[in-house]
Amino acid sequence: NYMKRPFEKPTLEDIVSEVGIYGTFIGNQENGGKVLWNRVEGYLVRSKAHNVNQGGVSEGGGVVDSLILFPENELKY
């Protein structure tokens, strides 16, 4: 993947990505517990070079990323 950082040229790097899923859950503990609301609301992807052990987006070690989804039959192994 190419990583683009401010004031630098894009660089081709082996990366590791972390996907965080955000959701909301509202339930009622009375009457045996009832789920009133349970939804996925969004996601965040952060990526960094595979050889970076520490450092996040705010420290310059990682970048905010995005996902591109496509059908599995289009995946080339």
C-alpha atoms as a PDB file:
ATOM      1  CA  ASN A   1       0.000   0.000   0.000  1.00  0.00           C
ATOM      2  CA  TYR A   2       1.013   3.603  -0.432  1.00  0.00           C
ATOM      3  CA  MET A   3       1.132   5.716   2.708  1.00  0.00           C
ATOM      4  CA  LYS A   4       0.715   9.481   2.279  1.00  0.00           C
ATOM      5  CA  ARG A   5       1.862  11.758   5.062  1.00  0.00           C
ATOM      6  CA  PRO A   6       1.793  15.578   5.133  1.00  0.00           C
ATOM      7  CA  PHE A   7       4.668  17.233   3.261  1.00  0.00           C
ATOM      8  CA  GLU A   8       6.083  13.865   2.102  1.00  0.00           C
ATOM      9  CA  LYS A   9       5.862  11.901  -1.134  1.00  0.00           C
ATOM     10  CA  PRO A  10       3.732   8.728  -1.024  1.00  0.00           C
ATOM     11  CA  THR A  11       5.799   5.670  -0.104  1.00  0.00           C
ATOM     12  CA  LEU A  12       5.105   2.018  -0.899  1.00  0.00           C
ATOM     13  CA  GLU A  13       5.094   0.035   2.373  1.00  0.00           C
ATOM     14  CA  ASP A  14       3.950  -3.277   3.822  1.00  0.00           C
ATOM     15  CA  ILE A  15       1.249  -2.290   6.288  1.00  0.00           C
ATOM     16  CA  VAL A  16      -0.935  -3.627   9.071  1.00  0.00           C
ATOM     17  CA  SER A  17      -4.465  -2.263   9.369  1.00  0.00           C
ATOM     18  CA  GLU A  18      -6.720  -2.114  12.408  1.00  0.00           C
ATOM     19  CA  VAL A  19     -10.481  -1.837  11.950  1.00  0.00           C
ATOM     20  CA  GLY A  20     -12.589  -0.425  14.777  1.00  0.00           C
ATOM     21  CA  ILE A  21     -16.351  -0.969  14.585  1.00  0.00           C
ATOM     22  CA  TYR A  22     -18.587   1.540  16.336  1.00  0.00           C
ATOM     23  CA  GLY A  23     -22.071   0.693  17.484  1.00  0.00           C
ATOM     24  CA  THR A  24     -24.878   1.558  19.848  1.00  0.00           C
ATOM     25  CA  PHE A  25     -26.674  -0.768  22.230  1.00  0.00           C
ATOM     26  CA  ILE A  26     -29.673   0.018  24.402  1.00  0.00           C
ATOM     27  CA  GLY A  27     -31.229  -2.658  26.550  1.00  0.00           C
ATOM     28  CA  ASN A  28     -33.551  -3.168  29.481  1.00  0.00           C
ATOM     29  CA  GLN A  29     -32.389  -5.359  32.383  1.00  0.00           C
ATOM     30  CA  GLU A  30     -35.923  -5.838  33.680  1.00  0.00           C
ATOM     31  CA  ASN A  31     -38.164  -8.722  32.572  1.00  0.00           C
ATOM     32  CA  GLY A  32     -35.257 -10.995  31.635  1.00  0.00           C
ATOM     33  CA  GLY A  33     -33.452  -8.391  29.586  1.00  0.00           C
ATOM     34  CA  LYS A  34     -34.701  -6.999  26.322  1.00  0.00           C
ATOM     35  CA  VAL A  35     -32.641  -5.535  23.488  1.00  0.00           C
ATOM     36  CA  LEU A  36     -34.235  -2.288  22.384  1.00  0.00           C
ATOM     37  CA  TRP A  37     -31.541  -1.076  19.988  1.00  0.00           C
ATOM     38  CA  ASN A  38     -28.415  -2.761  18.620  1.00  0.00           C
ATOM     39  CA  ARG A  39     -26.825  -1.271  15.515  1.00  0.00           C
ATOM     40  CA  VAL A  40     -23.479  -0.859  13.817  1.00  0.00           C
ATOM     41  CA  GLU A  41     -23.014   2.873  13.274  1.00  0.00           C
ATOM     42  CA  GLY A  42     -19.663   3.129  11.508  1.00  0.00           C
ATOM     43  CA  TYR A  43     -16.014   2.200  11.425  1.00  0.00           C
ATOM     44  CA  LEU A  44     -12.501   3.612  11.556  1.00  0.00           C
ATOM     45  CA  VAL A  45      -9.427   2.120   9.882  1.00  0.00           C
ATOM     46  CA  ARG A  46      -5.914   2.942  11.067  1.00  0.00           C
ATOM     47  CA  SER A  47      -2.842   1.595   9.278  1.00  0.00           C
ATOM     48  CA  LYS A  48       0.876   1.659   9.958  1.00  0.00           C
ATOM     49  CA  ALA A  49       3.999   0.072   8.524  1.00  0.00           C
ATOM     50  CA  HIS A  50       4.314  -3.587   9.528  1.00  0.00           C
ATOM     51  CA  ASN A  51       7.664  -2.991  11.237  1.00  0.00           C
ATOM     52  CA  VAL A  52       6.419  -0.132  13.462  1.00  0.00           C
ATOM     53  CA  ASN A  53       5.819  -1.389  16.984  1.00  0.00           C
ATOM     54  CA  GLN A  54       4.692   1.835  18.665  1.00  0.00           C
ATOM     55  CA  GLY A  55       3.111   5.047  17.514  1.00  0.00           C
ATOM     56  CA  GLY A  56      -0.288   5.974  16.277  1.00  0.00           C
ATOM     57  CA  VAL A  57      -1.861   8.456  13.923  1.00  0.00           C
ATOM     58  CA  SER A  58      -1.290  11.440  16.246  1.00  0.00           C
ATOM     59  CA  GLU A  59       2.405  10.572  16.633  1.00  0.00           C
ATOM     60  CA  GLY A  60       2.983  10.192  12.887  1.00  0.00           C
ATOM     61  CA  GLY A  61       3.514   6.425  12.986  1.00  0.00           C
ATOM     62  CA  GLY A  62       0.178   5.613  11.395  1.00  0.00           C
ATOM     63  CA  VAL A  63      -2.435   7.001   9.049  1.00  0.00           C
ATOM     64  CA  VAL A  64      -6.228   7.077   8.907  1.00  0.00           C
ATOM     65  CA  ASP A  65      -7.203   4.686   6.146  1.00  0.00           C
ATOM     66  CA  SER A  66     -10.311   3.513   4.305  1.00  0.00           C
ATOM     67  CA  LEU A  67     -11.705   0.242   3.054  1.00  0.00           C
ATOM     68  CA  ILE A  68     -12.469  -0.712  -0.514  1.00  0.00           C
ATOM     69  CA  LEU A  69     -14.905  -3.606  -0.599  1.00  0.00           C
ATOM     70  CA  PHE A  70     -15.388  -5.826  -3.637  1.00  0.00           C
ATOM     71  CA  PRO A  71     -16.793  -9.291  -4.393  1.00  0.00           C
ATOM     72  CA  GLU A  72     -14.569 -12.217  -3.357  1.00  0.00           C
ATOM     73  CA  ASN A  73     -14.561 -13.619  -6.906  1.00  0.00           C
ATOM     74  CA  GLU A  74     -12.636 -10.496  -8.015  1.00  0.00           C
ATOM     75  CA  LEU A  75      -9.820 -11.186  -5.534  1.00  0.00           C
ATOM     76  CA  LYS A  76      -6.622 -12.235  -7.297  1.00  0.00           C
ATOM     77  CA  TYR A  77      -4.406 -14.593  -5.282  1.00  0.00           C
END
